[in-house]
Amino acid sequence: MRQPDRIIRLNTVLDRTGLSRSTIYRKITEGTFPPQIRISVNGAGWRESDIDRWVANPVTWRPGSGRDLNGV
């Protein structure tokens, strides 16, 4: 059975990627970094699997790569 994907917050993303906050948001705008997902009215995070795929190969990462048709 497949494990559910964890949602990680900004500080964890900063630690794992070594990028600054402003670089992460610039890359999201450029489409070269996984976008955030809404987890509450005032909260957002990233799917851990998206960040893991980006860390493994940031040059070839593209939105939706490694996901099935349902976006999971």
Protein backbone atom coordinates (compact mmCIF):
# COMPACT_ATOMS: atom_id res chain seq x y z
CA MET A 1 0.00 0.00 0.00
CA ARG A 2 1.25 3.46 -0.88
CA GLN A 3 2.18 5.85 1.93
CA PRO A 4 0.30 9.16 1.99
CA ASP A 5 2.37 12.13 0.92
CA ARG A 6 3.42 14.41 3.79
CA ILE A 7 2.95 18.15 3.56
CA ILE A 8 6.05 20.10 4.55
CA ARG A 9 6.29 23.77 5.45
CA LEU A 10 8.64 26.50 4.23
CA ASN A 11 11.38 26.03 6.85
CA THR A 12 11.74 22.37 5.92
CA VAL A 13 11.84 23.25 2.21
CA LEU A 14 14.53 25.86 2.89
CA ASP A 15 16.62 23.28 4.79
CA ARG A 16 16.27 20.58 2.14
CA THR A 17 16.94 22.75 -0.89
CA GLY A 18 19.48 25.22 0.41
CA LEU A 19 17.61 27.98 -1.43
CA SER A 20 16.51 31.29 0.04
CA ARG A 21 12.85 32.15 0.50
CA SER A 22 12.93 34.72 -2.30
CA THR A 23 14.60 32.26 -4.69
CA ILE A 24 11.95 29.63 -4.00
CA TYR A 25 9.10 32.05 -4.77
CA ARG A 26 10.89 33.37 -7.88
CA LYS A 27 11.37 29.81 -9.15
CA ILE A 28 7.68 29.02 -8.48
CA THR A 29 6.76 32.03 -10.64
CA GLU A 30 9.16 30.85 -13.37
CA GLY A 31 7.68 27.33 -13.23
CA THR A 32 10.98 25.72 -12.19
CA PHE A 33 10.03 24.78 -8.62
CA PRO A 34 7.02 22.91 -7.20
CA PRO A 35 4.17 25.26 -6.28
CA GLN A 36 2.63 25.35 -2.81
CA ILE A 37 -0.69 23.75 -2.00
CA ARG A 38 -3.27 25.29 0.32
CA ILE A 39 -3.70 23.43 3.60
CA SER A 40 -5.86 26.00 5.41
CA VAL A 41 -7.11 29.56 5.07
CA ASN A 42 -3.76 31.00 6.18
CA GLY A 43 -1.45 28.05 5.57
CA ALA A 44 0.30 26.44 2.68
CA GLY A 45 2.93 23.79 2.20
CA TRP A 46 4.57 21.53 -0.34
CA ARG A 47 4.13 17.85 -1.07
CA GLU A 48 7.24 16.13 0.22
CA SER A 49 7.46 13.97 -2.90
CA ASP A 50 7.53 17.09 -5.13
CA ILE A 51 10.44 18.54 -3.15
CA ASP A 52 12.26 15.19 -3.15
CA ARG A 53 11.96 14.99 -6.96
CA TRP A 54 13.17 18.58 -7.32
CA VAL A 55 16.18 17.96 -5.03
CA ALA A 56 17.05 14.79 -6.96
CA ASN A 57 17.18 16.64 -10.28
CA PRO A 58 16.42 20.39 -10.21
CA VAL A 59 17.49 20.99 -13.82
CA THR A 60 14.92 18.69 -15.43
CA TRP A 61 12.07 19.09 -12.92
CA ARG A 62 8.79 20.11 -14.54
CA PRO A 63 5.33 20.64 -13.02
CA GLY A 64 3.37 17.41 -12.80
CA SER A 65 6.36 15.15 -13.48
CA GLY A 66 6.10 11.92 -11.55
CA ARG A 67 2.38 12.19 -10.86
CA ASP A 68 -0.52 10.15 -12.08
CA LEU A 69 -3.49 11.62 -13.94
CA ASN A 70 -5.23 12.54 -10.68
CA GLY A 71 -2.34 14.78 -9.62
CA VAL A 72 -1.36 12.44 -6.76
